[in-house]
Structure formats: C-alpha cells, structure tokens
C-alpha cells in the first residue's frame, strides 16, 4: 500500500483568524469536492499570515498516487486564490 502526502503552504493576506479560516476553508473544500483525497489543515493554526494544508491519497501503485498528488498540486497552483502559494512538498510512503 502506498500513501501519498502533499503539503501546500500559503502566505495569507488575512489580518485575523476569522479571515484566515475563510481562505483555508475555501481551499480545503475545493480540494475535497474535486478529488478523492483526505484534506486537513496542519501546522501553525494560530498564525493569521500563513497556512499549510496536507492532502493524502492511498493507492496500490506509487505511480498512481504520485500522479494524483501532482494533479492536485497543478490544480491548486492554477486556482486564483486569496493567498500566495509559497511551497509544495510531496512524499510517498510505503506501508507493508
């Protein structure tokens, strides 16, 4: 079993946590609705100026998991968000 993990980091224009939650929720819901992947906000939850979202998928083949994560990453890069994308990291984990 292959577990693919994609971490997407953003710099946010928000001044408070309420604005931050609105931006993050929008990205999380968009990914969830378009892809069969688990999505969660991770990292510094109380910093209004940044956010990291983790996206995971499970597959029997590493090529499929990697392809799914790359597709999600390209989609997030192409979206016109109220945030600046600053980093994308992917990792494939093999589980026995």
PDB file of N, CA and C in Angstrom:
ATOM      1  N   UNK A   1       0.854  -1.170   0.000  1.00  0.00           N
ATOM      2  CA  UNK A   1       0.000   0.000   0.000  1.00  0.00           C
ATOM      3  C   UNK A   1       0.901   1.235   0.000  1.00  0.00           C
ATOM      4  N   UNK A   2       0.548   2.193  -0.844  1.00  0.00           N
ATOM      5  CA  UNK A   2       1.285   3.447  -0.949  1.00  0.00           C
ATOM      6  C   UNK A   2       0.409   4.578  -0.415  1.00  0.00           C
ATOM      7  N   UNK A   3       0.988   5.393   0.457  1.00  0.00           N
ATOM      8  CA  UNK A   3       0.300   6.567   0.988  1.00  0.00           C
ATOM      9  C   UNK A   3       1.028   7.793   0.440  1.00  0.00           C
ATOM     10  N   UNK A   4       0.304   8.617  -0.298  1.00  0.00           N
ATOM     11  CA  UNK A   4       0.879   9.840  -0.849  1.00  0.00           C
ATOM     12  C   UNK A   4       0.471  11.025  -0.016  1.00  0.00           C
ATOM     13  N   UNK A   5       1.445  11.893   0.275  1.00  0.00           N
ATOM     14  CA  UNK A   5       1.188  13.080   1.088  1.00  0.00           C
ATOM     15  C   UNK A   5       1.658  14.310   0.320  1.00  0.00           C
ATOM     16  N   UNK A   6       0.798  15.287   0.227  1.00  0.00           N
ATOM     17  CA  UNK A   6       1.097  16.560  -0.421  1.00  0.00           C
ATOM     18  C   UNK A   6       0.878  17.657   0.607  1.00  0.00           C
ATOM     19  N   UNK A   7       1.907  18.484   0.832  1.00  0.00           N
ATOM     20  CA  UNK A   7       1.763  19.630   1.733  1.00  0.00           C
ATOM     21  C   UNK A   7       1.869  20.900   0.913  1.00  0.00           C
ATOM     22  N   UNK A   8       0.886  21.761   1.074  1.00  0.00           N
ATOM     23  CA  UNK A   8       0.827  23.017   0.345  1.00  0.00           C
ATOM     24  C   UNK A   8       0.841  24.146   1.372  1.00  0.00           C
ATOM     25  N   UNK A   9       1.827  25.044   1.251  1.00  0.00           N
ATOM     26  CA  UNK A   9       1.955  26.161   2.194  1.00  0.00           C
ATOM     27  C   UNK A   9       1.599  27.469   1.504  1.00  0.00           C
ATOM     28  N   UNK A  10       0.893  28.315   2.238  1.00  0.00           N
ATOM     29  CA  UNK A  10       0.426  29.588   1.711  1.00  0.00           C
ATOM     30  C   UNK A  10       0.839  30.740   2.619  1.00  0.00           C
ATOM     31  N   UNK A  11       1.023  31.901   2.020  1.00  0.00           N
ATOM     32  CA  UNK A  11       1.129  33.162   2.753  1.00  0.00           C
ATOM     33  C   UNK A  11      -0.214  33.842   2.551  1.00  0.00           C
ATOM     34  N   UNK A  12      -0.847  34.236   3.629  1.00  0.00           N
ATOM     35  CA  UNK A  12      -2.211  34.757   3.582  1.00  0.00           C
ATOM     36  C   UNK A  12      -2.252  36.258   3.817  1.00  0.00           C
ATOM     37  N   UNK A  13      -3.173  36.953   3.151  1.00  0.00           N
ATOM     38  CA  UNK A  13      -3.323  38.397   3.354  1.00  0.00           C
ATOM     39  C   UNK A  13      -4.245  38.735   4.529  1.00  0.00           C
ATOM     40  N   UNK A  14      -4.564  37.761   5.347  1.00  0.00           N
ATOM     41  CA  UNK A  14      -5.539  37.972   6.428  1.00  0.00           C
ATOM     42  C   UNK A  14      -4.914  38.715   7.608  1.00  0.00           C
ATOM     43  N   UNK A  15      -5.759  39.460   8.295  1.00  0.00           N
ATOM     44  CA  UNK A  15      -5.325  40.212   9.470  1.00  0.00           C
ATOM     45  C   UNK A  15      -5.726  39.523  10.773  1.00  0.00           C
ATOM     46  N   UNK A  16      -6.695  38.621  10.680  1.00  0.00           N
ATOM     47  CA  UNK A  16      -7.124  37.916  11.887  1.00  0.00           C
ATOM     48  C   UNK A  16      -7.473  36.472  11.541  1.00  0.00           C
ATOM     49  N   UNK A  17      -7.754  35.692  12.575  1.00  0.00           N
ATOM     50  CA  UNK A  17      -8.008  34.268  12.376  1.00  0.00           C
ATOM     51  C   UNK A  17      -9.324  33.995  11.640  1.00  0.00           C
ATOM     52  N   UNK A  18     -10.280  34.885  11.754  1.00  0.00           N
ATOM     53  CA  UNK A  18     -11.549  34.691  11.052  1.00  0.00           C
ATOM     54  C   UNK A  18     -11.337  34.762   9.538  1.00  0.00           C
ATOM     55  N   UNK A  19     -10.612  35.755   9.067  1.00  0.00           N
ATOM     56  CA  UNK A  19     -10.296  35.863   7.637  1.00  0.00           C
ATOM     57  C   UNK A  19      -9.479  34.660   7.180  1.00  0.00           C
ATOM     58  N   UNK A  20      -8.537  34.260   8.006  1.00  0.00           N
ATOM     59  CA  UNK A  20      -7.682  33.119   7.698  1.00  0.00           C
ATOM     60  C   UNK A  20      -8.516  31.856   7.502  1.00  0.00           C
ATOM     61  N   UNK A  21      -9.435  31.589   8.431  1.00  0.00           N
ATOM     62  CA  UNK A  21     -10.290  30.401   8.341  1.00  0.00           C
ATOM     63  C   UNK A  21     -11.121  30.392   7.062  1.00  0.00           C
ATOM     64  N   UNK A  22     -11.600  31.546   6.645  1.00  0.00           N
ATOM     65  CA  UNK A  22     -12.402  31.620   5.422  1.00  0.00           C
ATOM     66  C   UNK A  22     -11.576  31.217   4.201  1.00  0.00           C
ATOM     67  N   UNK A  23     -10.350  31.705   4.121  1.00  0.00           N
ATOM     68  CA  UNK A  23      -9.476  31.383   2.992  1.00  0.00           C
ATOM     69  C   UNK A  23      -9.114  29.906   3.004  1.00  0.00           C
ATOM     70  N   UNK A  24      -8.700  29.401   4.151  1.00  0.00           N
ATOM     71  CA  UNK A  24      -8.279  27.997   4.273  1.00  0.00           C
ATOM     72  C   UNK A  24      -9.455  27.076   3.993  1.00  0.00           C
ATOM     73  N   UNK A  25     -10.614  27.371   4.556  1.00  0.00           N
ATOM     74  CA  UNK A  25     -11.797  26.534   4.343  1.00  0.00           C
ATOM     75  C   UNK A  25     -12.144  26.454   2.861  1.00  0.00           C
ATOM     76  N   UNK A  26     -12.000  27.552   2.157  1.00  0.00           N
ATOM     77  CA  UNK A  26     -12.286  27.571   0.731  1.00  0.00           C
ATOM     78  C   UNK A  26     -11.379  26.600  -0.031  1.00  0.00           C
ATOM     79  N   UNK A  27     -10.094  26.617   0.269  1.00  0.00           N
ATOM     80  CA  UNK A  27      -9.149  25.721  -0.404  1.00  0.00           C
ATOM     81  C   UNK A  27      -9.432  24.270  -0.032  1.00  0.00           C
ATOM     82  N   UNK A  28      -9.645  23.990   1.237  1.00  0.00           N
ATOM     83  CA  UNK A  28      -9.901  22.627   1.704  1.00  0.00           C
ATOM     84  C   UNK A  28     -11.154  22.058   1.044  1.00  0.00           C
ATOM     85  N   UNK A  29     -12.225  22.820   1.032  1.00  0.00           N
ATOM     86  CA  UNK A  29     -13.474  22.335   0.440  1.00  0.00           C
ATOM     87  C   UNK A  29     -13.352  22.140  -1.067  1.00  0.00           C
ATOM     88  N   UNK A  30     -12.594  22.994  -1.712  1.00  0.00           N
ATOM     89  CA  UNK A  30     -12.404  22.867  -3.158  1.00  0.00           C
ATOM     90  C   UNK A  30     -11.658  21.583  -3.495  1.00  0.00           C
ATOM     91  N   UNK A  31     -10.597  21.284  -2.747  1.00  0.00           N
ATOM     92  CA  UNK A  31      -9.836  20.052  -2.990  1.00  0.00           C
ATOM     93  C   UNK A  31     -10.710  18.839  -2.692  1.00  0.00           C
ATOM     94  N   UNK A  32     -11.411  18.848  -1.569  1.00  0.00           N
ATOM     95  CA  UNK A  32     -12.273  17.716  -1.202  1.00  0.00           C
ATOM     96  C   UNK A  32     -13.348  17.445  -2.245  1.00  0.00           C
ATOM     97  N   UNK A  33     -13.928  18.502  -2.782  1.00  0.00           N
ATOM     98  CA  UNK A  33     -15.030  18.314  -3.724  1.00  0.00           C
ATOM     99  C   UNK A  33     -14.567  17.828  -5.095  1.00  0.00           C
ATOM    100  N   UNK A  34     -13.331  18.090  -5.459  1.00  0.00           N
ATOM    101  CA  UNK A  34     -12.859  17.730  -6.797  1.00  0.00           C
ATOM    102  C   UNK A  34     -12.009  16.473  -6.855  1.00  0.00           C
ATOM    103  N   UNK A  35     -11.464  16.050  -5.716  1.00  0.00           N
ATOM    104  CA  UNK A  35     -10.561  14.893  -5.711  1.00  0.00           C
ATOM    105  C   UNK A  35     -10.957  13.923  -4.608  1.00  0.00           C
ATOM    106  N   UNK A  36     -10.679  12.672  -4.819  1.00  0.00           N
ATOM    107  CA  UNK A  36     -10.948  11.645  -3.816  1.00  0.00           C
ATOM    108  C   UNK A  36      -9.732  11.562  -2.891  1.00  0.00           C
ATOM    109  N   UNK A  37      -9.580  12.565  -2.047  1.00  0.00           N
ATOM    110  CA  UNK A  37      -8.417  12.659  -1.165  1.00  0.00           C
ATOM    111  C   UNK A  37      -8.839  13.234   0.177  1.00  0.00           C
ATOM    112  N   UNK A  38      -8.093  12.876   1.203  1.00  0.00           N
ATOM    113  CA  UNK A  38      -8.319  13.445   2.533  1.00  0.00           C
ATOM    114  C   UNK A  38      -7.546  14.754   2.627  1.00  0.00           C
ATOM    115  N   UNK A  39      -8.169  15.776   3.204  1.00  0.00           N
ATOM    116  CA  UNK A  39      -7.568  17.103   3.291  1.00  0.00           C
ATOM    117  C   UNK A  39      -7.710  17.618   4.709  1.00  0.00           C
ATOM    118  N   UNK A  40      -6.626  18.211   5.241  1.00  0.00           N
ATOM    119  CA  UNK A  40      -6.681  18.799   6.580  1.00  0.00           C
ATOM    120  C   UNK A  40      -5.692  19.939   6.682  1.00  0.00           C
ATOM    121  N   UNK A  41      -6.036  20.911   7.502  1.00  0.00           N
ATOM    122  CA  UNK A  41      -5.098  21.981   7.790  1.00  0.00           C
ATOM    123  C   UNK A  41      -4.133  21.479   8.858  1.00  0.00           C
ATOM    124  N   UNK A  42      -2.854  21.697   8.639  1.00  0.00           N
ATOM    125  CA  UNK A  42      -1.820  21.274   9.578  1.00  0.00           C
ATOM    126  C   UNK A  42      -0.875  22.443   9.840  1.00  0.00           C
ATOM    127  N   UNK A  43       0.013  22.305  10.784  1.00  0.00           N
ATOM    128  CA  UNK A  43       0.995  23.360  11.025  1.00  0.00           C
ATOM    129  C   UNK A  43       0.513  24.385  12.020  1.00  0.00           C
ATOM    130  N   UNK A  44       0.975  25.619  11.835  1.00  0.00           N
ATOM    131  CA  UNK A  44       0.656  26.718  12.738  1.00  0.00           C
ATOM    132  C   UNK A  44      -0.787  27.165  12.538  1.00  0.00           C
ATOM    133  N   UNK A  45      -1.662  26.758  13.436  1.00  0.00           N
ATOM    134  CA  UNK A  45      -3.087  27.056  13.284  1.00  0.00           C
ATOM    135  C   UNK A  45      -3.468  28.443  13.788  1.00  0.00           C
ATOM    136  N   UNK A  46      -2.614  29.080  14.560  1.00  0.00           N
ATOM    137  CA  UNK A  46      -2.956  30.376  15.141  1.00  0.00           C
ATOM    138  C   UNK A  46      -2.217  31.541  14.511  1.00  0.00           C
ATOM    139  N   UNK A  47      -1.556  31.312  13.388  1.00  0.00           N
ATOM    140  CA  UNK A  47      -0.845  32.376  12.685  1.00  0.00           C
ATOM    141  C   UNK A  47      -1.731  32.882  11.544  1.00  0.00           C
ATOM    142  N   UNK A  48      -2.232  34.118  11.623  1.00  0.00           N
ATOM    143  CA  UNK A  48      -3.135  34.594  10.586  1.00  0.00           C
ATOM    144  C   UNK A  48      -2.471  34.827   9.230  1.00  0.00           C
ATOM    145  N   UNK A  49      -1.148  34.842   9.178  1.00  0.00           N
ATOM    146  CA  UNK A  49      -0.472  35.169   7.925  1.00  0.00           C
ATOM    147  C   UNK A  49       0.025  33.957   7.131  1.00  0.00           C
ATOM    148  N   UNK A  50      -0.152  32.749   7.659  1.00  0.00           N
ATOM    149  CA  UNK A  50       0.301  31.574   6.913  1.00  0.00           C
ATOM    150  C   UNK A  50      -0.583  30.370   7.231  1.00  0.00           C
ATOM    151  N   UNK A  51      -0.544  29.403   6.303  1.00  0.00           N
ATOM    152  CA  UNK A  51      -1.312  28.170   6.491  1.00  0.00           C
ATOM    153  C   UNK A  51      -0.649  27.059   5.697  1.00  0.00           C
ATOM    154  N   UNK A  52      -0.760  25.838   6.205  1.00  0.00           N
ATOM    155  CA  UNK A  52      -0.298  24.650   5.497  1.00  0.00           C
ATOM    156  C   UNK A  52      -1.440  23.655   5.469  1.00  0.00           C
ATOM    157  N   UNK A  53      -1.683  23.129   4.280  1.00  0.00           N
ATOM    158  CA  UNK A  53      -2.741  22.149   4.086  1.00  0.00           C
ATOM    159  C   UNK A  53      -2.096  20.853   3.632  1.00  0.00           C
ATOM    160  N   UNK A  54      -2.487  19.743   4.253  1.00  0.00           N
ATOM    161  CA  UNK A  54      -1.987  18.424   3.876  1.00  0.00           C
ATOM    162  C   UNK A  54      -3.087  17.670   3.150  1.00  0.00           C
ATOM    163  N   UNK A  55      -2.694  17.018   2.069  1.00  0.00           N
ATOM    164  CA  UNK A  55      -3.628  16.245   1.248  1.00  0.00           C
ATOM    165  C   UNK A  55      -3.038  14.850   1.111  1.00  0.00           C
ATOM    166  N   UNK A  56      -3.845  13.823   1.337  1.00  0.00           N
ATOM    167  CA  UNK A  56      -3.334  12.458   1.248  1.00  0.00           C
ATOM    168  C   UNK A  56      -4.210  11.602   0.335  1.00  0.00           C
ATOM    169  N   UNK A  57      -3.561  10.607  -0.237  1.00  0.00           N
ATOM    170  CA  UNK A  57      -4.285   9.619  -1.029  1.00  0.00           C
ATOM    171  C   UNK A  57      -3.633   8.260  -0.798  1.00  0.00           C
ATOM    172  N   UNK A  58      -4.390   7.210  -0.995  1.00  0.00           N
ATOM    173  CA  UNK A  58      -3.908   5.843  -0.797  1.00  0.00           C
ATOM    174  C   UNK A  58      -4.093   5.088  -2.104  1.00  0.00           C
ATOM    175  N   UNK A  59      -3.084   4.288  -2.465  1.00  0.00           N
ATOM    176  CA  UNK A  59      -3.147   3.535  -3.716  1.00  0.00           C
ATOM    177  C   UNK A  59      -2.336   2.256  -3.589  1.00  0.00           C
ATOM    178  N   UNK A  60      -2.534   1.356  -4.532  1.00  0.00           N
ATOM    179  CA  UNK A  60      -1.723   0.144  -4.596  1.00  0.00           C
ATOM    180  C   UNK A  60      -0.447   0.364  -5.391  1.00  0.00           C
ATOM    181  N   UNK A  61      -0.391   1.450  -6.175  1.00  0.00           N
ATOM    182  CA  UNK A  61       0.762   1.717  -7.026  1.00  0.00           C
ATOM    183  C   UNK A  61       1.311   3.113  -6.744  1.00  0.00           C
ATOM    184  N   UNK A  62       2.625   3.216  -6.647  1.00  0.00           N
ATOM    185  CA  UNK A  62       3.240   4.515  -6.372  1.00  0.00           C
ATOM    186  C   UNK A  62       3.018   5.487  -7.525  1.00  0.00           C
ATOM    187  N   UNK A  63       3.006   4.991  -8.758  1.00  0.00           N
ATOM    188  CA  UNK A  63       2.774   5.854  -9.911  1.00  0.00           C
ATOM    189  C   UNK A  63       1.413   6.512  -9.878  1.00  0.00           C
ATOM    190  N   UNK A  64       0.406   5.744  -9.468  1.00  0.00           N
ATOM    191  CA  UNK A  64      -0.947   6.288  -9.374  1.00  0.00           C
ATOM    192  C   UNK A  64      -1.037   7.339  -8.274  1.00  0.00           C
ATOM    193  N   UNK A  65      -0.467   7.062  -7.115  1.00  0.00           N
ATOM    194  CA  UNK A  65      -0.503   8.015  -6.003  1.00  0.00           C
ATOM    195  C   UNK A  65       0.228   9.301  -6.377  1.00  0.00           C
ATOM    196  N   UNK A  66       1.400   9.160  -6.992  1.00  0.00           N
ATOM    197  CA  UNK A  66       2.172  10.329  -7.395  1.00  0.00           C
ATOM    198  C   UNK A  66       1.423  11.140  -8.443  1.00  0.00           C
ATOM    199  N   UNK A  67       0.812  10.465  -9.396  1.00  0.00           N
ATOM    200  CA  UNK A  67       0.043  11.145 -10.433  1.00  0.00           C
ATOM    201  C   UNK A  67      -1.124  11.926  -9.832  1.00  0.00           C
ATOM    202  N   UNK A  68      -1.810  11.336  -8.881  1.00  0.00           N
ATOM    203  CA  UNK A  68      -2.930  12.002  -8.209  1.00  0.00           C
ATOM    204  C   UNK A  68      -2.451  13.252  -7.470  1.00  0.00           C
ATOM    205  N   UNK A  69      -1.344  13.136  -6.734  1.00  0.00           N
ATOM    206  CA  UNK A  69      -0.827  14.280  -5.983  1.00  0.00           C
ATOM    207  C   UNK A  69      -0.354  15.387  -6.921  1.00  0.00           C
ATOM    208  N   UNK A  70       0.302  15.017  -8.017  1.00  0.00           N
ATOM    209  CA  UNK A  70       0.769  16.024  -8.976  1.00  0.00           C
ATOM    210  C   UNK A  70      -0.413  16.740  -9.628  1.00  0.00           C
ATOM    211  N   UNK A  71      -1.461  16.015  -9.900  1.00  0.00           N
ATOM    212  CA  UNK A  71      -2.662  16.606 -10.468  1.00  0.00           C
ATOM    213  C   UNK A  71      -3.279  17.619  -9.504  1.00  0.00           C
ATOM    214  N   UNK A  72      -3.347  17.263  -8.238  1.00  0.00           N
ATOM    215  CA  UNK A  72      -3.883  18.177  -7.223  1.00  0.00           C
ATOM    216  C   UNK A  72      -2.992  19.402  -7.095  1.00  0.00           C
ATOM    217  N   UNK A  73      -1.673  19.197  -7.074  1.00  0.00           N
ATOM    218  CA  UNK A  73      -0.733  20.314  -6.951  1.00  0.00           C
ATOM    219  C   UNK A  73      -0.877  21.285  -8.127  1.00  0.00           C
ATOM    220  N   UNK A  74      -0.974  20.765  -9.339  1.00  0.00           N
ATOM    221  CA  UNK A  74      -1.146  21.631 -10.514  1.00  0.00           C
ATOM    222  C   UNK A  74      -2.454  22.409 -10.426  1.00  0.00           C
ATOM    223  N   UNK A  75      -3.515  21.756  -9.951  1.00  0.00           N
ATOM    224  CA  UNK A  75      -4.803  22.432  -9.827  1.00  0.00           C
ATOM    225  C   UNK A  75      -4.727  23.571  -8.816  1.00  0.00           C
ATOM    226  N   UNK A  76      -4.132  23.307  -7.664  1.00  0.00           N
ATOM    227  CA  UNK A  76      -4.021  24.346  -6.629  1.00  0.00           C
ATOM    228  C   UNK A  76      -3.175  25.513  -7.148  1.00  0.00           C
ATOM    229  N   UNK A  77      -2.104  25.212  -7.881  1.00  0.00           N
ATOM    230  CA  UNK A  77      -1.276  26.275  -8.453  1.00  0.00           C
ATOM    231  C   UNK A  77      -2.049  27.128  -9.448  1.00  0.00           C
ATOM    232  N   UNK A  78      -2.965  26.521 -10.178  1.00  0.00           N
ATOM    233  CA  UNK A  78      -3.695  27.245 -11.218  1.00  0.00           C
ATOM    234  C   UNK A  78      -4.883  28.047 -10.679  1.00  0.00           C
ATOM    235  N   UNK A  79      -5.369  27.726  -9.478  1.00  0.00           N
ATOM    236  CA  UNK A  79      -6.507  28.441  -8.915  1.00  0.00           C
ATOM    237  C   UNK A  79      -6.115  29.857  -8.558  1.00  0.00           C
ATOM    238  N   UNK A  80      -7.027  30.773  -8.767  1.00  0.00           N
ATOM    239  CA  UNK A  80      -6.807  32.156  -8.356  1.00  0.00           C
ATOM    240  C   UNK A  80      -7.303  32.274  -6.921  1.00  0.00           C
ATOM    241  N   UNK A  81      -6.389  32.162  -5.997  1.00  0.00           N
ATOM    242  CA  UNK A  81      -6.743  32.154  -4.576  1.00  0.00           C
ATOM    243  C   UNK A  81      -6.455  33.507  -3.947  1.00  0.00           C
ATOM    244  N   UNK A  82      -7.040  33.718  -2.781  1.00  0.00           N
ATOM    245  CA  UNK A  82      -6.741  34.910  -1.996  1.00  0.00           C
ATOM    246  C   UNK A  82      -5.511  34.664  -1.130  1.00  0.00           C
ATOM    247  N   UNK A  83      -4.558  33.912  -1.662  1.00  0.00           N
ATOM    248  CA  UNK A  83      -3.362  33.555  -0.912  1.00  0.00           C
ATOM    249  C   UNK A  83      -2.215  33.350  -1.884  1.00  0.00           C
ATOM    250  N   UNK A  84      -0.996  33.532  -1.390  1.00  0.00           N
ATOM    251  CA  UNK A  84       0.192  33.301  -2.193  1.00  0.00           C
ATOM    252  C   UNK A  84       0.740  31.909  -1.884  1.00  0.00           C
ATOM    253  N   UNK A  85       0.858  31.087  -2.898  1.00  0.00           N
ATOM    254  CA  UNK A  85       1.407  29.739  -2.744  1.00  0.00           C
ATOM    255  C   UNK A  85       2.920  29.874  -2.580  1.00  0.00           C
ATOM    256  N   UNK A  86       3.457  29.373  -1.462  1.00  0.00           N
ATOM    257  CA  UNK A  86       4.895  29.538  -1.236  1.00  0.00           C
ATOM    258  C   UNK A  86       5.676  28.231  -1.279  1.00  0.00           C
ATOM    259  N   UNK A  87       5.011  27.080  -1.093  1.00  0.00           N
ATOM    260  CA  UNK A  87       5.756  25.819  -1.112  1.00  0.00           C
ATOM    261  C   UNK A  87       4.815  24.650  -1.350  1.00  0.00           C
ATOM    262  N   UNK A  88       5.321  23.677  -2.100  1.00  0.00           N
ATOM    263  CA  UNK A  88       4.615  22.418  -2.322  1.00  0.00           C
ATOM    264  C   UNK A  88       5.608  21.279  -2.100  1.00  0.00           C
ATOM    265  N   UNK A  89       5.229  20.331  -1.258  1.00  0.00           N
ATOM    266  CA  UNK A  89       6.077  19.165  -0.990  1.00  0.00           C
ATOM    267  C   UNK A  89       5.250  17.903  -1.163  1.00  0.00           C
ATOM    268  N   UNK A  90       5.845  16.887  -1.784  1.00  0.00           N
ATOM    269  CA  UNK A  90       5.172  15.598  -1.899  1.00  0.00           C
ATOM    270  C   UNK A  90       6.060  14.508  -1.318  1.00  0.00           C
ATOM    271  N   UNK A  91       5.409  13.480  -0.831  1.00  0.00           N
ATOM    272  CA  UNK A  91       6.115  12.330  -0.261  1.00  0.00           C
ATOM    273  C   UNK A  91       5.265  11.088  -0.469  1.00  0.00           C
ATOM    274  N   UNK A  92       5.915  10.012  -0.843  1.00  0.00           N
ATOM    275  CA  UNK A  92       5.241   8.719  -0.992  1.00  0.00           C
ATOM    276  C   UNK A  92       5.785   7.779   0.085  1.00  0.00           C
ATOM    277  N   UNK A  93       4.886   7.201   0.855  1.00  0.00           N
ATOM    278  CA  UNK A  93       5.259   6.289   1.925  1.00  0.00           C
ATOM    279  C   UNK A  93       4.763   4.892   1.582  1.00  0.00           C
ATOM    280  N   UNK A  94       5.620   3.914   1.761  1.00  0.00           N
ATOM    281  CA  UNK A  94       5.227   2.536   1.518  1.00  0.00           C
ATOM    282  C   UNK A  94       4.891   1.884   2.851  1.00  0.00           C
ATOM    283  N   UNK A  95       3.708   1.336   2.905  1.00  0.00           N
ATOM    284  CA  UNK A  95       3.250   0.661   4.114  1.00  0.00           C
ATOM    285  C   UNK A  95       3.159  -0.839   3.788  1.00  0.00           C
ATOM    286  N   UNK A  96       3.779  -1.654   4.636  1.00  0.00           N
ATOM    287  CA  UNK A  96       3.820  -3.098   4.310  1.00  0.00           C
ATOM    288  C   UNK A  96       2.503  -3.767   4.211  1.00  0.00           C
TER     289      UNK A  96
END
